[in-house]
Amino acid sequence: MSAAKMIAEAAILEGKYVQAFPEFGAERAGAPITAYARLSDEPMELHSFIYKPDVVVVVDRTMASVKSTTAGLADDGSFVCNSGGTPSDLRTALGLDGNVKVCTVDATAIALKSLGKDIPNTPVLGALVKATRIVSVDSIERALAARFKGALQASNTDALRRGYEQVQVG
């Protein structure tokens, strides 16, 4: 949910219209959730879940090879995943069509190095921005600066930049 909100905040800084909302399953600490962010250059009248996403982002690396994570992904969409593997290995494991852009980044390793904790949201956002250009990296940095201050802002900016630089696109 934090990553969806951060993309939405960056999009607002660019003058886009946004919606960001979660979908919860079993309500227990640590349970997987799905969060959506809908971005548009025009006002939106549609207010529903997203059934055919252009982009799917997987932050939890334990979900990397779960085929249901790509359900409904547009034929020419992008799949960005926290994974230490290669895009081609992930494409094969998930049976993704060659038209889907598959991107991997070891966001867990980056988070441990930059933040000292396994919180991979920010490096995954860096990878997402580089892979899709959905918003600019400068807008994400501005959104981070609005949320974090001091050393926490610096470490998150470092994690974002590392994710941006280290993403593998296939």
N, C-alpha and C. Protein backbone atom coordinates (compact mmCIF):
# COMPACT_ATOMS: atom_id res chain seq x y z
N MET A 1 0.82 -1.18 0.00
CA MET A 1 0.00 0.00 0.00
C MET A 1 0.87 1.25 0.00
N SER A 2 1.96 1.20 0.72
CA SER A 2 2.86 2.36 0.77
C SER A 2 3.41 2.69 -0.61
N ALA A 3 3.77 1.67 -1.36
CA ALA A 3 4.31 1.90 -2.71
C ALA A 3 3.25 2.50 -3.62
N ALA A 4 2.02 2.00 -3.54
CA ALA A 4 0.93 2.55 -4.38
C ALA A 4 0.68 4.01 -4.02
N LYS A 5 0.70 4.33 -2.74
CA LYS A 5 0.51 5.72 -2.31
C LYS A 5 1.64 6.62 -2.80
N MET A 6 2.87 6.11 -2.75
CA MET A 6 4.02 6.91 -3.17
C MET A 6 3.96 7.21 -4.68
N ILE A 7 3.57 6.22 -5.48
CA ILE A 7 3.41 6.46 -6.92
C ILE A 7 2.31 7.49 -7.14
N ALA A 8 1.21 7.36 -6.41
CA ALA A 8 0.11 8.31 -6.54
C ALA A 8 0.56 9.72 -6.17
N GLU A 9 1.32 9.85 -5.09
CA GLU A 9 1.81 11.17 -4.67
C GLU A 9 2.73 11.77 -5.72
N ALA A 10 3.59 10.95 -6.31
CA ALA A 10 4.48 11.44 -7.37
C ALA A 10 3.68 11.86 -8.59
N ALA A 11 2.65 11.10 -8.93
CA ALA A 11 1.81 11.44 -10.08
C ALA A 11 1.06 12.75 -9.85
N ILE A 12 0.59 12.97 -8.64
CA ILE A 12 -0.08 14.23 -8.31
C ILE A 12 0.87 15.40 -8.50
N LEU A 13 2.13 15.22 -8.11
CA LEU A 13 3.13 16.28 -8.30
C LEU A 13 3.32 16.61 -9.78
N GLU A 14 3.01 15.66 -10.65
CA GLU A 14 3.13 15.87 -12.10
C GLU A 14 1.81 16.32 -12.72
N GLY A 15 0.80 16.58 -11.89
CA GLY A 15 -0.48 17.07 -12.39
C GLY A 15 -1.40 15.99 -12.91
N LYS A 16 -1.12 14.73 -12.58
CA LYS A 16 -1.98 13.63 -13.03
C LYS A 16 -3.13 13.42 -12.05
N TYR A 17 -4.14 12.74 -12.52
CA TYR A 17 -5.25 12.32 -11.68
C TYR A 17 -4.94 10.92 -11.17
N VAL A 18 -5.29 10.65 -9.92
CA VAL A 18 -4.91 9.37 -9.34
C VAL A 18 -6.01 8.77 -8.47
N GLN A 19 -5.91 7.47 -8.32
CA GLN A 19 -6.66 6.70 -7.33
C GLN A 19 -5.67 5.68 -6.77
N ALA A 20 -5.64 5.50 -5.47
CA ALA A 20 -4.80 4.48 -4.85
C ALA A 20 -5.60 3.87 -3.71
N PHE A 21 -5.69 2.54 -3.72
CA PHE A 21 -6.51 1.87 -2.72
C PHE A 21 -6.05 0.43 -2.54
N PRO A 22 -6.26 -0.12 -1.34
CA PRO A 22 -5.86 -1.51 -1.08
C PRO A 22 -7.01 -2.48 -1.24
N GLU A 23 -6.66 -3.75 -1.36
CA GLU A 23 -7.62 -4.85 -1.29
C GLU A 23 -7.05 -5.84 -0.28
N PHE A 24 -7.74 -6.02 0.81
CA PHE A 24 -7.25 -6.90 1.86
C PHE A 24 -7.92 -8.26 1.76
N GLY A 25 -7.15 -9.29 2.04
CA GLY A 25 -7.69 -10.65 2.13
C GLY A 25 -7.86 -10.97 3.60
N ALA A 26 -7.23 -12.04 4.05
CA ALA A 26 -7.29 -12.40 5.46
C ALA A 26 -6.66 -11.29 6.27
N GLU A 27 -7.38 -10.81 7.26
CA GLU A 27 -6.87 -9.69 8.05
C GLU A 27 -6.03 -10.19 9.21
N ARG A 28 -4.75 -10.36 8.92
CA ARG A 28 -3.79 -10.72 9.95
C ARG A 28 -2.48 -10.05 9.59
N ALA A 29 -1.69 -9.79 10.60
CA ALA A 29 -0.40 -9.13 10.37
C ALA A 29 0.46 -9.98 9.43
N GLY A 30 1.04 -9.35 8.44
CA GLY A 30 1.92 -10.03 7.52
C GLY A 30 1.23 -10.72 6.35
N ALA A 31 -0.09 -10.69 6.32
CA ALA A 31 -0.81 -11.32 5.22
C ALA A 31 -0.58 -10.52 3.94
N PRO A 32 -0.47 -11.20 2.79
CA PRO A 32 -0.29 -10.48 1.53
C PRO A 32 -1.49 -9.58 1.24
N ILE A 33 -1.22 -8.42 0.68
CA ILE A 33 -2.30 -7.54 0.25
C ILE A 33 -2.07 -7.17 -1.20
N THR A 34 -3.11 -6.71 -1.82
CA THR A 34 -3.02 -6.16 -3.16
C THR A 34 -3.36 -4.68 -3.05
N ALA A 35 -2.58 -3.85 -3.68
CA ALA A 35 -2.86 -2.42 -3.69
C ALA A 35 -2.85 -1.96 -5.14
N TYR A 36 -3.71 -1.02 -5.43
CA TYR A 36 -3.86 -0.52 -6.79
C TYR A 36 -3.53 0.96 -6.84
N ALA A 37 -2.99 1.38 -7.96
CA ALA A 37 -2.83 2.80 -8.25
C ALA A 37 -3.26 2.99 -9.69
N ARG A 38 -4.20 3.86 -9.88
CA ARG A 38 -4.69 4.17 -11.23
C ARG A 38 -4.27 5.61 -11.49
N LEU A 39 -3.55 5.83 -12.60
CA LEU A 39 -3.05 7.15 -12.96
C LEU A 39 -3.59 7.53 -14.33
N SER A 40 -3.90 8.82 -14.48
CA SER A 40 -4.43 9.28 -15.77
C SER A 40 -4.11 10.75 -15.95
N ASP A 41 -3.99 11.14 -17.20
CA ASP A 41 -3.84 12.55 -17.52
C ASP A 41 -5.20 13.25 -17.54
N GLU A 42 -6.27 12.48 -17.52
CA GLU A 42 -7.65 13.00 -17.57
C GLU A 42 -8.39 12.61 -16.29
N PRO A 43 -9.41 13.36 -15.92
CA PRO A 43 -10.23 12.95 -14.76
C PRO A 43 -10.80 11.55 -14.98
N MET A 44 -10.95 10.80 -13.88
CA MET A 44 -11.42 9.42 -13.96
C MET A 44 -12.81 9.30 -13.34
N GLU A 45 -13.68 8.60 -14.05
CA GLU A 45 -15.00 8.33 -13.52
C GLU A 45 -15.14 6.89 -13.07
N LEU A 46 -14.22 6.04 -13.46
CA LEU A 46 -14.23 4.64 -13.09
C LEU A 46 -13.69 4.50 -11.66
N HIS A 47 -14.45 3.83 -10.80
CA HIS A 47 -14.04 3.61 -9.41
C HIS A 47 -14.26 2.14 -9.08
N SER A 48 -13.33 1.31 -9.50
CA SER A 48 -13.43 -0.13 -9.25
C SER A 48 -12.03 -0.70 -9.11
N PHE A 49 -11.97 -1.99 -8.78
CA PHE A 49 -10.68 -2.66 -8.79
C PHE A 49 -10.15 -2.65 -10.22
N ILE A 50 -8.89 -2.92 -10.36
CA ILE A 50 -8.27 -2.96 -11.68
C ILE A 50 -8.15 -4.43 -12.07
N TYR A 51 -8.88 -4.81 -13.10
CA TYR A 51 -8.93 -6.21 -13.51
C TYR A 51 -7.95 -6.53 -14.64
N LYS A 52 -7.55 -5.54 -15.41
CA LYS A 52 -6.61 -5.74 -16.52
C LYS A 52 -5.51 -4.68 -16.41
N PRO A 53 -4.59 -4.87 -15.47
CA PRO A 53 -3.56 -3.85 -15.24
C PRO A 53 -2.54 -3.77 -16.38
N ASP A 54 -2.04 -2.56 -16.60
CA ASP A 54 -0.95 -2.36 -17.54
C ASP A 54 0.39 -2.73 -16.90
N VAL A 55 0.44 -2.59 -15.58
CA VAL A 55 1.67 -2.85 -14.83
C VAL A 55 1.31 -3.64 -13.57
N VAL A 56 2.10 -4.67 -13.29
CA VAL A 56 1.99 -5.41 -12.03
C VAL A 56 3.35 -5.30 -11.35
N VAL A 57 3.32 -4.95 -10.06
CA VAL A 57 4.54 -4.84 -9.27
C VAL A 57 4.43 -5.82 -8.10
N VAL A 58 5.44 -6.64 -7.92
CA VAL A 58 5.48 -7.57 -6.79
C VAL A 58 6.63 -7.15 -5.88
N VAL A 59 6.27 -6.72 -4.68
CA VAL A 59 7.25 -6.26 -3.71
C VAL A 59 7.77 -7.42 -2.85
N ASP A 60 6.89 -8.33 -2.49
CA ASP A 60 7.23 -9.46 -1.64
C ASP A 60 7.87 -10.56 -2.48
N ARG A 61 9.15 -10.75 -2.32
CA ARG A 61 9.88 -11.70 -3.18
C ARG A 61 9.38 -13.13 -3.05
N THR A 62 8.70 -13.48 -1.96
CA THR A 62 8.16 -14.83 -1.84
C THR A 62 7.01 -15.06 -2.81
N MET A 63 6.47 -13.98 -3.36
CA MET A 63 5.37 -14.08 -4.32
C MET A 63 5.87 -14.02 -5.78
N ALA A 64 7.17 -13.95 -5.97
CA ALA A 64 7.75 -13.74 -7.30
C ALA A 64 7.31 -14.75 -8.34
N SER A 65 7.25 -16.01 -7.98
CA SER A 65 6.93 -17.02 -8.99
C SER A 65 5.51 -17.57 -8.85
N VAL A 66 4.65 -16.85 -8.17
CA VAL A 66 3.26 -17.26 -8.04
C VAL A 66 2.50 -16.74 -9.26
N LYS A 67 2.00 -17.65 -10.09
CA LYS A 67 1.39 -17.27 -11.36
C LYS A 67 0.20 -16.33 -11.21
N SER A 68 -0.52 -16.42 -10.11
CA SER A 68 -1.70 -15.56 -9.95
C SER A 68 -1.33 -14.08 -9.84
N THR A 69 -0.06 -13.77 -9.57
CA THR A 69 0.33 -12.36 -9.48
C THR A 69 0.21 -11.65 -10.83
N THR A 70 0.26 -12.39 -11.91
CA THR A 70 0.18 -11.77 -13.24
C THR A 70 -1.22 -11.89 -13.85
N ALA A 71 -2.20 -12.34 -13.07
CA ALA A 71 -3.56 -12.50 -13.59
C ALA A 71 -4.09 -11.20 -14.14
N GLY A 72 -4.55 -11.24 -15.39
CA GLY A 72 -5.14 -10.07 -16.02
C GLY A 72 -4.15 -9.10 -16.63
N LEU A 73 -2.85 -9.32 -16.44
CA LEU A 73 -1.85 -8.39 -16.96
C LEU A 73 -2.05 -8.20 -18.46
N ALA A 74 -2.07 -6.94 -18.88
CA ALA A 74 -2.23 -6.61 -20.29
C ALA A 74 -1.18 -7.33 -21.13
N ASP A 75 -1.56 -7.71 -22.35
CA ASP A 75 -0.67 -8.45 -23.24
C ASP A 75 0.65 -7.73 -23.50
N ASP A 76 0.62 -6.41 -23.49
CA ASP A 76 1.83 -5.63 -23.70
C ASP A 76 2.23 -4.90 -22.42
N GLY A 77 1.85 -5.47 -21.28
CA GLY A 77 2.10 -4.84 -19.99
C GLY A 77 3.51 -5.03 -19.49
N SER A 78 3.72 -4.55 -18.27
CA SER A 78 5.03 -4.66 -17.61
C SER A 78 4.86 -5.37 -16.27
N PHE A 79 5.80 -6.25 -15.97
CA PHE A 79 5.83 -6.97 -14.71
C PHE A 79 7.14 -6.62 -14.03
N VAL A 80 7.07 -5.95 -12.87
CA VAL A 80 8.25 -5.52 -12.13
C VAL A 80 8.25 -6.30 -10.82
N CYS A 81 9.36 -6.97 -10.53
CA CYS A 81 9.37 -7.90 -9.40
C CYS A 81 10.65 -7.82 -8.57
N ASN A 82 10.47 -7.87 -7.26
CA ASN A 82 11.58 -8.00 -6.33
C ASN A 82 12.09 -9.43 -6.43
N SER A 83 13.15 -9.61 -7.17
CA SER A 83 13.68 -10.95 -7.40
C SER A 83 15.17 -10.86 -7.68
N GLY A 84 15.90 -11.83 -7.16
CA GLY A 84 17.33 -11.90 -7.46
C GLY A 84 17.61 -12.60 -8.78
N GLY A 85 16.57 -13.13 -9.41
CA GLY A 85 16.72 -13.85 -10.68
C GLY A 85 16.74 -12.91 -11.87
N THR A 86 16.85 -13.51 -13.04
CA THR A 86 16.87 -12.72 -14.27
C THR A 86 15.45 -12.59 -14.82
N PRO A 87 15.22 -11.57 -15.65
CA PRO A 87 13.91 -11.45 -16.28
C PRO A 87 13.52 -12.68 -17.10
N SER A 88 14.47 -13.27 -17.81
CA SER A 88 14.12 -14.43 -18.64
C SER A 88 13.74 -15.63 -17.78
N ASP A 89 14.43 -15.84 -16.65
CA ASP A 89 14.07 -16.93 -15.75
C ASP A 89 12.66 -16.73 -15.19
N LEU A 90 12.35 -15.50 -14.81
CA LEU A 90 11.04 -15.21 -14.26
C LEU A 90 9.96 -15.33 -15.33
N ARG A 91 10.26 -14.88 -16.54
CA ARG A 91 9.31 -15.01 -17.66
C ARG A 91 8.96 -16.48 -17.88
N THR A 92 9.98 -17.34 -17.87
CA THR A 92 9.76 -18.77 -18.06
C THR A 92 8.95 -19.36 -16.90
N ALA A 93 9.33 -19.02 -15.67
CA ALA A 93 8.64 -19.57 -14.49
C ALA A 93 7.16 -19.19 -14.47
N LEU A 94 6.85 -17.99 -14.96
CA LEU A 94 5.46 -17.52 -14.94
C LEU A 94 4.72 -17.76 -16.25
N GLY A 95 5.44 -18.23 -17.27
CA GLY A 95 4.81 -18.48 -18.56
C GLY A 95 4.31 -17.22 -19.22
N LEU A 96 5.08 -16.13 -19.09
CA LEU A 96 4.66 -14.85 -19.65
C LEU A 96 5.01 -14.74 -21.13
N ASP A 97 4.11 -14.16 -21.86
CA ASP A 97 4.25 -13.91 -23.29
C ASP A 97 5.45 -13.01 -23.54
N GLY A 98 6.03 -13.12 -24.72
CA GLY A 98 7.19 -12.30 -25.09
C GLY A 98 6.89 -10.82 -25.21
N ASN A 99 5.60 -10.44 -25.31
CA ASN A 99 5.25 -9.02 -25.40
C ASN A 99 5.24 -8.33 -24.05
N VAL A 100 5.23 -9.10 -22.96
CA VAL A 100 5.24 -8.53 -21.63
C VAL A 100 6.68 -8.15 -21.26
N LYS A 101 6.85 -6.93 -20.78
CA LYS A 101 8.16 -6.49 -20.31
C LYS A 101 8.33 -7.03 -18.89
N VAL A 102 9.35 -7.84 -18.67
CA VAL A 102 9.63 -8.42 -17.36
C VAL A 102 10.87 -7.76 -16.79
N CYS A 103 10.74 -7.26 -15.56
CA CYS A 103 11.83 -6.52 -14.93
C CYS A 103 12.08 -7.08 -13.54
N THR A 104 13.34 -7.30 -13.22
CA THR A 104 13.69 -7.79 -11.89
C THR A 104 14.69 -6.84 -11.24
N VAL A 105 14.59 -6.77 -9.93
CA VAL A 105 15.55 -6.01 -9.13
C VAL A 105 15.64 -6.71 -7.78
N ASP A 106 16.83 -6.84 -7.27
CA ASP A 106 16.99 -7.46 -5.95
C ASP A 106 16.77 -6.38 -4.90
N ALA A 107 15.51 -6.00 -4.75
CA ALA A 107 15.13 -4.92 -3.86
C ALA A 107 15.39 -5.27 -2.40
N THR A 108 15.32 -6.53 -2.06
CA THR A 108 15.61 -6.94 -0.68
C THR A 108 17.06 -6.64 -0.34
N ALA A 109 17.98 -7.02 -1.21
CA ALA A 109 19.40 -6.76 -0.97
C ALA A 109 19.68 -5.26 -0.92
N ILE A 110 19.05 -4.51 -1.81
CA ILE A 110 19.24 -3.06 -1.82
C ILE A 110 18.71 -2.45 -0.52
N ALA A 111 17.54 -2.88 -0.09
CA ALA A 111 16.95 -2.34 1.15
C ALA A 111 17.85 -2.65 2.35
N LEU A 112 18.36 -3.86 2.41
CA LEU A 112 19.24 -4.21 3.53
C LEU A 112 20.48 -3.33 3.54
N LYS A 113 21.01 -3.04 2.36
CA LYS A 113 22.22 -2.21 2.27
C LYS A 113 21.91 -0.73 2.55
N SER A 114 20.85 -0.21 1.94
CA SER A 114 20.56 1.22 2.05
C SER A 114 19.81 1.59 3.33
N LEU A 115 18.88 0.73 3.73
CA LEU A 115 18.00 1.05 4.87
C LEU A 115 18.35 0.27 6.13
N GLY A 116 19.12 -0.80 5.96
CA GLY A 116 19.44 -1.65 7.11
C GLY A 116 18.30 -2.54 7.53
N LYS A 117 17.23 -2.59 6.73
CA LYS A 117 16.05 -3.41 7.03
C LYS A 117 15.50 -3.98 5.73
N ASP A 118 14.79 -5.08 5.84
CA ASP A 118 14.16 -5.71 4.67
C ASP A 118 12.82 -5.02 4.40
N ILE A 119 12.92 -3.80 3.88
CA ILE A 119 11.75 -3.02 3.47
C ILE A 119 11.98 -2.63 2.01
N PRO A 120 11.58 -3.49 1.07
CA PRO A 120 11.96 -3.32 -0.33
C PRO A 120 11.10 -2.35 -1.15
N ASN A 121 10.12 -1.68 -0.55
CA ASN A 121 9.23 -0.80 -1.31
C ASN A 121 9.98 0.23 -2.14
N THR A 122 10.88 0.96 -1.52
CA THR A 122 11.53 2.07 -2.21
C THR A 122 12.40 1.62 -3.38
N PRO A 123 13.24 0.58 -3.23
CA PRO A 123 13.99 0.14 -4.41
C PRO A 123 13.10 -0.39 -5.53
N VAL A 124 11.99 -1.02 -5.18
CA VAL A 124 11.06 -1.50 -6.21
C VAL A 124 10.47 -0.30 -6.95
N LEU A 125 10.18 0.78 -6.23
CA LEU A 125 9.67 1.99 -6.90
C LEU A 125 10.69 2.54 -7.89
N GLY A 126 11.96 2.52 -7.51
CA GLY A 126 13.00 2.95 -8.45
C GLY A 126 13.00 2.11 -9.71
N ALA A 127 12.88 0.80 -9.54
CA ALA A 127 12.83 -0.12 -10.69
C ALA A 127 11.60 0.15 -11.54
N LEU A 128 10.46 0.35 -10.90
CA LEU A 128 9.21 0.63 -11.62
C LEU A 128 9.32 1.89 -12.46
N VAL A 129 9.86 2.93 -11.87
CA VAL A 129 9.99 4.20 -12.59
C VAL A 129 10.90 4.06 -13.80
N LYS A 130 12.02 3.38 -13.64
CA LYS A 130 12.93 3.20 -14.78
C LYS A 130 12.30 2.33 -15.86
N ALA A 131 11.62 1.27 -15.45
CA ALA A 131 11.06 0.31 -16.41
C ALA A 131 9.87 0.87 -17.18
N THR A 132 9.09 1.73 -16.55
CA THR A 132 7.83 2.16 -17.17
C THR A 132 7.76 3.66 -17.50
N ARG A 133 8.58 4.45 -16.84
CA ARG A 133 8.53 5.92 -16.99
C ARG A 133 7.14 6.46 -16.65
N ILE A 134 6.42 5.75 -15.77
CA ILE A 134 5.06 6.13 -15.39
C ILE A 134 5.03 7.50 -14.71
N VAL A 135 6.08 7.79 -13.95
CA VAL A 135 6.35 9.11 -13.39
C VAL A 135 7.86 9.28 -13.44
N SER A 136 8.32 10.48 -13.20
CA SER A 136 9.77 10.70 -13.23
C SER A 136 10.40 10.33 -11.89
N VAL A 137 11.66 9.99 -11.92
CA VAL A 137 12.38 9.68 -10.69
C VAL A 137 12.45 10.93 -9.81
N ASP A 138 12.50 12.11 -10.41
CA ASP A 138 12.51 13.35 -9.63
C ASP A 138 11.21 13.51 -8.84
N SER A 139 10.09 13.14 -9.43
CA SER A 139 8.81 13.24 -8.72
C SER A 139 8.75 12.26 -7.55
N ILE A 140 9.27 11.07 -7.74
CA ILE A 140 9.31 10.11 -6.63
C ILE A 140 10.22 10.65 -5.52
N GLU A 141 11.34 11.23 -5.89
CA GLU A 141 12.24 11.80 -4.87
C GLU A 141 11.55 12.93 -4.11
N ARG A 142 10.78 13.73 -4.79
CA ARG A 142 10.04 14.81 -4.12
C ARG A 142 8.98 14.24 -3.18
N ALA A 143 8.32 13.17 -3.61
CA ALA A 143 7.32 12.52 -2.75
C ALA A 143 8.00 11.91 -1.51
N LEU A 144 9.18 11.32 -1.70
CA LEU A 144 9.94 10.79 -0.56
C LEU A 144 10.31 11.91 0.40
N ALA A 145 10.74 13.04 -0.14
CA ALA A 145 11.15 14.17 0.70
C ALA A 145 9.98 14.71 1.51
N ALA A 146 8.77 14.60 0.97
CA ALA A 146 7.59 15.05 1.71
C ALA A 146 7.24 14.09 2.84
N ARG A 147 7.60 12.83 2.70
CA ARG A 147 7.25 11.82 3.69
C ARG A 147 8.35 11.59 4.73
N PHE A 148 9.61 11.63 4.30
CA PHE A 148 10.73 11.34 5.19
C PHE A 148 11.64 12.55 5.33
N LYS A 149 12.32 12.64 6.46
CA LYS A 149 13.25 13.74 6.72
C LYS A 149 14.60 13.18 7.16
N GLY A 150 15.63 13.98 7.03
CA GLY A 150 16.95 13.66 7.54
C GLY A 150 17.55 12.39 6.97
N ALA A 151 18.11 11.58 7.88
CA ALA A 151 18.80 10.35 7.48
C ALA A 151 17.84 9.36 6.82
N LEU A 152 16.60 9.32 7.26
CA LEU A 152 15.62 8.41 6.67
C LEU A 152 15.32 8.80 5.22
N GLN A 153 15.25 10.09 4.95
CA GLN A 153 15.07 10.55 3.58
C GLN A 153 16.29 10.19 2.73
N ALA A 154 17.47 10.41 3.25
CA ALA A 154 18.70 10.11 2.50
C ALA A 154 18.80 8.62 2.19
N SER A 155 18.50 7.76 3.16
CA SER A 155 18.61 6.32 2.92
C SER A 155 17.55 5.84 1.94
N ASN A 156 16.35 6.40 2.01
CA ASN A 156 15.31 6.02 1.05
C ASN A 156 15.63 6.52 -0.35
N THR A 157 16.19 7.70 -0.45
CA THR A 157 16.60 8.22 -1.76
C THR A 157 17.70 7.33 -2.35
N ASP A 158 18.63 6.89 -1.51
CA ASP A 158 19.69 5.99 -1.95
C ASP A 158 19.08 4.67 -2.44
N ALA A 159 18.12 4.12 -1.69
CA ALA A 159 17.46 2.87 -2.08
C ALA A 159 16.72 3.04 -3.40
N LEU A 160 16.03 4.16 -3.56
CA LEU A 160 15.31 4.46 -4.80
C LEU A 160 16.28 4.49 -5.98
N ARG A 161 17.36 5.23 -5.84
CA ARG A 161 18.35 5.35 -6.93
C ARG A 161 18.99 4.01 -7.27
N ARG A 162 19.30 3.22 -6.25
CA ARG A 162 19.90 1.90 -6.51
C ARG A 162 18.92 1.00 -7.26
N GLY A 163 17.65 1.02 -6.86
CA GLY A 163 16.64 0.24 -7.58
C GLY A 163 16.53 0.69 -9.02
N TYR A 164 16.58 2.00 -9.24
CA TYR A 164 16.51 2.59 -10.56
C TYR A 164 17.69 2.12 -11.41
N GLU A 165 18.87 2.14 -10.82
CA GLU A 165 20.09 1.79 -11.56
C GLU A 165 20.26 0.28 -11.77
N GLN A 166 19.75 -0.52 -10.85
CA GLN A 166 20.04 -1.95 -10.88
C GLN A 166 18.94 -2.81 -11.50
N VAL A 167 17.84 -2.22 -11.89
CA VAL A 167 16.76 -3.01 -12.48
C VAL A 167 17.25 -3.67 -13.77
N GLN A 168 16.86 -4.93 -13.96
CA GLN A 168 17.15 -5.66 -15.19
C GLN A 168 15.85 -5.75 -15.98
N VAL A 169 15.90 -5.34 -17.23
CA VAL A 169 14.71 -5.35 -18.07
C VAL A 169 14.87 -6.38 -19.17
N GLY A 170 13.86 -7.24 -19.31
CA GLY A 170 13.95 -8.28 -20.32
C GLY A 170 12.65 -8.48 -21.05
